[in-house]
Amino acid sequence: MNERDRPNSDDDPRRDSSNSIPQPKIGEFEIERVIGRGGMGVVYLARQPSLDRLVALKVLPYGHAIDPITRQRFQLEARVAAGLEHPNIVPVFAVGSEA
């Protein structure tokens, strides 16, 4: 990761506030780099070793992840996107949370 692609404190929900180095993994996904940021989260390029593939992994920033209403909106967005099928829309394979 170069400096521009490093998550900031709001980007990494797994970050321990006493440690300024972000976690290199979220669940089974190995984070490669940040590929986008938006109002609802940060999108990472990640590797899913169990299926040997690269994926886009969208994650709520920590401040949003602790808000139940924002989490519900995020899950609704995932369900709606999962119902779409178009060559210019990435498919949704899973939605979940991690403590």
N, C-alpha and C. Protein backbone atom coordinates (compact mmCIF):
# COMPACT_ATOMS: atom_id res chain seq x y z
N MET A 1 0.83 -1.18 0.00
CA MET A 1 0.00 0.00 0.00
C MET A 1 0.88 1.24 0.00
N ASN A 2 0.53 2.20 -0.81
CA ASN A 2 1.23 3.46 -0.70
C ASN A 2 0.47 4.35 0.28
N GLU A 3 1.04 5.49 0.64
CA GLU A 3 0.46 6.34 1.68
C GLU A 3 -0.96 6.79 1.32
N ARG A 4 -1.22 7.09 0.06
CA ARG A 4 -2.53 7.54 -0.37
C ARG A 4 -3.59 6.47 -0.15
N ASP A 5 -3.22 5.21 -0.28
CA ASP A 5 -4.16 4.11 -0.16
C ASP A 5 -4.32 3.58 1.25
N ARG A 6 -3.54 4.09 2.17
CA ARG A 6 -3.66 3.61 3.55
C ARG A 6 -4.96 4.11 4.15
N PRO A 7 -5.68 3.22 4.84
CA PRO A 7 -6.92 3.65 5.48
C PRO A 7 -6.63 4.67 6.57
N ASN A 8 -7.52 5.67 6.71
CA ASN A 8 -7.35 6.58 7.84
C ASN A 8 -8.15 6.02 9.01
N SER A 9 -8.17 6.72 10.13
CA SER A 9 -8.78 6.17 11.34
C SER A 9 -10.26 5.87 11.16
N ASP A 10 -10.95 6.59 10.28
CA ASP A 10 -12.37 6.32 10.06
C ASP A 10 -12.59 5.16 9.10
N ASP A 11 -11.57 4.77 8.34
CA ASP A 11 -11.71 3.74 7.31
C ASP A 11 -11.64 2.33 7.85
N ASP A 12 -11.01 2.11 8.96
CA ASP A 12 -10.71 0.76 9.39
C ASP A 12 -11.50 0.37 10.64
N PRO A 13 -12.57 -0.40 10.50
CA PRO A 13 -13.38 -0.76 11.66
C PRO A 13 -12.69 -1.71 12.60
N ARG A 14 -11.61 -2.36 12.19
CA ARG A 14 -10.93 -3.33 13.05
C ARG A 14 -9.75 -2.72 13.79
N ARG A 15 -9.53 -1.44 13.59
CA ARG A 15 -8.35 -0.79 14.15
C ARG A 15 -8.48 -0.59 15.65
N ASP A 16 -7.48 -0.96 16.37
CA ASP A 16 -7.41 -0.73 17.80
C ASP A 16 -6.97 0.71 18.00
N SER A 17 -7.71 1.49 18.79
CA SER A 17 -7.39 2.90 18.94
C SER A 17 -6.02 3.13 19.56
N SER A 18 -5.43 2.14 20.22
CA SER A 18 -4.11 2.29 20.81
C SER A 18 -2.99 1.96 19.83
N ASN A 19 -3.36 1.51 18.62
CA ASN A 19 -2.38 1.10 17.64
C ASN A 19 -2.68 1.81 16.32
N SER A 20 -1.72 2.53 15.76
CA SER A 20 -1.99 3.31 14.55
C SER A 20 -1.79 2.50 13.27
N ILE A 21 -1.44 1.22 13.36
CA ILE A 21 -1.24 0.40 12.17
C ILE A 21 -2.53 -0.37 11.87
N PRO A 22 -3.11 -0.20 10.67
CA PRO A 22 -4.35 -0.90 10.36
C PRO A 22 -4.14 -2.40 10.23
N GLN A 23 -5.20 -3.15 10.47
CA GLN A 23 -5.17 -4.60 10.32
C GLN A 23 -5.06 -4.95 8.84
N PRO A 24 -4.23 -5.93 8.47
CA PRO A 24 -4.12 -6.31 7.07
C PRO A 24 -5.23 -7.25 6.61
N LYS A 25 -6.09 -7.74 7.54
CA LYS A 25 -7.16 -8.68 7.19
C LYS A 25 -8.46 -8.23 7.83
N ILE A 26 -9.55 -8.52 7.14
CA ILE A 26 -10.89 -8.37 7.70
C ILE A 26 -11.56 -9.70 7.45
N GLY A 27 -11.82 -10.44 8.53
CA GLY A 27 -12.32 -11.80 8.38
C GLY A 27 -11.29 -12.61 7.61
N GLU A 28 -11.74 -13.35 6.61
CA GLU A 28 -10.80 -14.13 5.81
C GLU A 28 -10.16 -13.31 4.70
N PHE A 29 -10.62 -12.09 4.49
CA PHE A 29 -10.17 -11.28 3.37
C PHE A 29 -8.85 -10.57 3.67
N GLU A 30 -7.90 -10.72 2.77
CA GLU A 30 -6.59 -10.09 2.90
C GLU A 30 -6.64 -8.77 2.12
N ILE A 31 -6.51 -7.66 2.84
CA ILE A 31 -6.64 -6.35 2.23
C ILE A 31 -5.41 -6.03 1.39
N GLU A 32 -5.64 -5.66 0.14
CA GLU A 32 -4.56 -5.27 -0.78
C GLU A 32 -4.38 -3.75 -0.75
N ARG A 33 -5.50 -3.00 -0.98
CA ARG A 33 -5.42 -1.54 -1.00
C ARG A 33 -6.82 -0.95 -1.05
N VAL A 34 -6.92 0.35 -0.79
CA VAL A 34 -8.17 1.09 -0.92
C VAL A 34 -8.39 1.36 -2.40
N ILE A 35 -9.62 1.10 -2.87
CA ILE A 35 -9.93 1.42 -4.27
C ILE A 35 -11.02 2.47 -4.39
N GLY A 36 -11.65 2.84 -3.28
CA GLY A 36 -12.66 3.88 -3.32
C GLY A 36 -13.18 4.24 -1.95
N ARG A 37 -13.74 5.46 -1.88
CA ARG A 37 -14.35 5.94 -0.64
C ARG A 37 -15.64 6.64 -1.02
N GLY A 38 -16.63 6.52 -0.15
CA GLY A 38 -17.90 7.19 -0.39
C GLY A 38 -18.61 7.47 0.91
N GLY A 39 -19.83 7.94 0.80
CA GLY A 39 -20.61 8.29 1.98
C GLY A 39 -20.94 7.12 2.87
N MET A 40 -21.04 5.93 2.29
CA MET A 40 -21.42 4.75 3.07
C MET A 40 -20.25 3.84 3.40
N GLY A 41 -19.05 4.18 3.00
CA GLY A 41 -17.96 3.29 3.37
C GLY A 41 -16.73 3.40 2.51
N VAL A 42 -15.84 2.50 2.78
CA VAL A 42 -14.56 2.39 2.07
C VAL A 42 -14.58 1.07 1.32
N VAL A 43 -14.10 1.09 0.08
CA VAL A 43 -14.03 -0.12 -0.72
C VAL A 43 -12.57 -0.52 -0.87
N TYR A 44 -12.28 -1.75 -0.51
CA TYR A 44 -10.93 -2.28 -0.59
C TYR A 44 -10.84 -3.33 -1.69
N LEU A 45 -9.70 -3.40 -2.32
CA LEU A 45 -9.37 -4.56 -3.15
C LEU A 45 -8.82 -5.58 -2.16
N ALA A 46 -9.43 -6.76 -2.14
CA ALA A 46 -9.02 -7.78 -1.17
C ALA A 46 -8.94 -9.13 -1.86
N ARG A 47 -8.18 -10.00 -1.26
CA ARG A 47 -8.07 -11.38 -1.76
C ARG A 47 -8.87 -12.28 -0.83
N GLN A 48 -9.65 -13.16 -1.44
CA GLN A 48 -10.40 -14.17 -0.69
C GLN A 48 -9.69 -15.50 -0.92
N PRO A 49 -8.82 -15.89 0.01
CA PRO A 49 -8.01 -17.10 -0.19
C PRO A 49 -8.82 -18.37 -0.36
N SER A 50 -9.97 -18.49 0.30
CA SER A 50 -10.75 -19.73 0.23
C SER A 50 -11.24 -20.03 -1.18
N LEU A 51 -11.45 -18.98 -1.98
CA LEU A 51 -11.88 -19.17 -3.37
C LEU A 51 -10.84 -18.69 -4.37
N ASP A 52 -9.68 -18.30 -3.87
CA ASP A 52 -8.56 -17.86 -4.71
C ASP A 52 -9.01 -16.82 -5.74
N ARG A 53 -9.59 -15.71 -5.20
CA ARG A 53 -10.05 -14.66 -6.10
C ARG A 53 -9.87 -13.30 -5.45
N LEU A 54 -9.84 -12.27 -6.31
CA LEU A 54 -9.84 -10.89 -5.85
C LEU A 54 -11.29 -10.43 -5.76
N VAL A 55 -11.59 -9.64 -4.73
CA VAL A 55 -12.94 -9.13 -4.53
C VAL A 55 -12.87 -7.66 -4.15
N ALA A 56 -13.98 -6.98 -4.34
CA ALA A 56 -14.14 -5.64 -3.79
C ALA A 56 -14.87 -5.82 -2.46
N LEU A 57 -14.31 -5.26 -1.41
CA LEU A 57 -14.86 -5.44 -0.06
C LEU A 57 -15.25 -4.06 0.46
N LYS A 58 -16.55 -3.84 0.63
CA LYS A 58 -17.03 -2.55 1.12
C LYS A 58 -17.23 -2.64 2.63
N VAL A 59 -16.68 -1.67 3.35
CA VAL A 59 -16.68 -1.69 4.80
C VAL A 59 -17.14 -0.33 5.32
N LEU A 60 -18.03 -0.37 6.30
CA LEU A 60 -18.44 0.87 6.95
C LEU A 60 -17.30 1.42 7.79
N PRO A 61 -17.08 2.72 7.78
CA PRO A 61 -16.11 3.30 8.72
C PRO A 61 -16.57 3.04 10.15
N TYR A 62 -15.65 2.95 11.08
CA TYR A 62 -15.96 2.59 12.46
C TYR A 62 -17.08 3.45 13.04
N GLY A 63 -17.01 4.75 12.85
CA GLY A 63 -18.03 5.64 13.41
C GLY A 63 -19.43 5.33 12.92
N HIS A 64 -19.54 4.86 11.68
CA HIS A 64 -20.84 4.48 11.13
C HIS A 64 -21.23 3.07 11.55
N ALA A 65 -20.26 2.20 11.70
CA ALA A 65 -20.52 0.80 12.00
C ALA A 65 -21.17 0.61 13.37
N ILE A 66 -20.95 1.53 14.29
CA ILE A 66 -21.53 1.37 15.62
C ILE A 66 -22.95 1.93 15.70
N ASP A 67 -23.40 2.62 14.65
CA ASP A 67 -24.75 3.17 14.62
C ASP A 67 -25.71 2.16 14.00
N PRO A 68 -26.71 1.69 14.76
CA PRO A 68 -27.61 0.65 14.25
C PRO A 68 -28.39 1.07 12.99
N ILE A 69 -28.80 2.31 12.90
CA ILE A 69 -29.55 2.77 11.73
C ILE A 69 -28.67 2.75 10.48
N THR A 70 -27.43 3.18 10.61
CA THR A 70 -26.51 3.15 9.47
C THR A 70 -26.22 1.72 9.05
N ARG A 71 -26.07 0.81 10.01
CA ARG A 71 -25.85 -0.61 9.68
C ARG A 71 -27.05 -1.18 8.92
N GLN A 72 -28.26 -0.81 9.34
CA GLN A 72 -29.46 -1.28 8.64
C GLN A 72 -29.50 -0.75 7.21
N ARG A 73 -29.14 0.52 7.01
CA ARG A 73 -29.10 1.10 5.66
C ARG A 73 -28.07 0.38 4.80
N PHE A 74 -26.93 0.06 5.39
CA PHE A 74 -25.87 -0.64 4.68
C PHE A 74 -26.35 -2.03 4.25
N GLN A 75 -27.02 -2.74 5.15
CA GLN A 75 -27.54 -4.07 4.83
C GLN A 75 -28.64 -4.00 3.77
N LEU A 76 -29.48 -2.97 3.84
CA LEU A 76 -30.51 -2.79 2.81
C LEU A 76 -29.86 -2.52 1.45
N GLU A 77 -28.84 -1.67 1.44
CA GLU A 77 -28.10 -1.39 0.20
C GLU A 77 -27.55 -2.69 -0.40
N ALA A 78 -27.00 -3.55 0.46
CA ALA A 78 -26.44 -4.83 -0.02
C ALA A 78 -27.53 -5.73 -0.58
N ARG A 79 -28.68 -5.80 0.09
CA ARG A 79 -29.78 -6.64 -0.40
C ARG A 79 -30.30 -6.14 -1.74
N VAL A 80 -30.46 -4.82 -1.87
CA VAL A 80 -30.94 -4.25 -3.13
C VAL A 80 -29.92 -4.52 -4.24
N ALA A 81 -28.65 -4.27 -3.97
CA ALA A 81 -27.60 -4.50 -4.98
C ALA A 81 -27.51 -5.98 -5.35
N ALA A 82 -27.75 -6.87 -4.40
CA ALA A 82 -27.69 -8.31 -4.68
C ALA A 82 -28.78 -8.73 -5.66
N GLY A 83 -29.88 -7.97 -5.73
CA GLY A 83 -30.95 -8.29 -6.64
C GLY A 83 -30.76 -7.74 -8.04
N LEU A 84 -29.70 -6.97 -8.24
CA LEU A 84 -29.43 -6.38 -9.55
C LEU A 84 -28.49 -7.25 -10.35
N GLU A 85 -28.71 -7.29 -11.64
CA GLU A 85 -27.83 -8.05 -12.52
C GLU A 85 -27.57 -7.20 -13.76
N HIS A 86 -26.34 -6.72 -13.87
CA HIS A 86 -25.95 -5.85 -14.98
C HIS A 86 -24.44 -5.94 -15.14
N PRO A 87 -23.92 -5.88 -16.35
CA PRO A 87 -22.47 -6.00 -16.55
C PRO A 87 -21.65 -4.89 -15.88
N ASN A 88 -22.28 -3.75 -15.59
CA ASN A 88 -21.55 -2.64 -14.96
C ASN A 88 -21.78 -2.54 -13.46
N ILE A 89 -22.41 -3.54 -12.88
CA ILE A 89 -22.65 -3.57 -11.43
C ILE A 89 -22.00 -4.83 -10.88
N VAL A 90 -21.15 -4.63 -9.88
CA VAL A 90 -20.49 -5.81 -9.28
C VAL A 90 -21.51 -6.61 -8.50
N PRO A 91 -21.45 -7.94 -8.58
CA PRO A 91 -22.40 -8.76 -7.82
C PRO A 91 -22.07 -8.74 -6.32
N VAL A 92 -23.10 -8.88 -5.51
CA VAL A 92 -22.93 -8.98 -4.06
C VAL A 92 -23.01 -10.46 -3.71
N PHE A 93 -21.97 -10.96 -3.03
CA PHE A 93 -21.93 -12.37 -2.65
C PHE A 93 -22.28 -12.59 -1.19
N ALA A 94 -22.05 -11.58 -0.36
CA ALA A 94 -22.30 -11.76 1.07
C ALA A 94 -22.39 -10.40 1.76
N VAL A 95 -23.05 -10.39 2.89
CA VAL A 95 -23.08 -9.23 3.77
C VAL A 95 -23.00 -9.78 5.19
N GLY A 96 -22.29 -9.05 6.03
CA GLY A 96 -22.15 -9.53 7.40
C GLY A 96 -21.45 -8.52 8.27
N SER A 97 -21.16 -8.94 9.48
CA SER A 97 -20.44 -8.06 10.40
C SER A 97 -19.43 -8.89 11.18
N GLU A 98 -18.49 -8.19 11.72
CA GLU A 98 -17.43 -8.84 12.48
C GLU A 98 -17.15 -7.99 13.70
N ALA A 99 -17.08 -8.61 14.85
CA ALA A 99 -16.83 -7.88 16.09
C ALA A 99 -15.38 -7.53 16.24
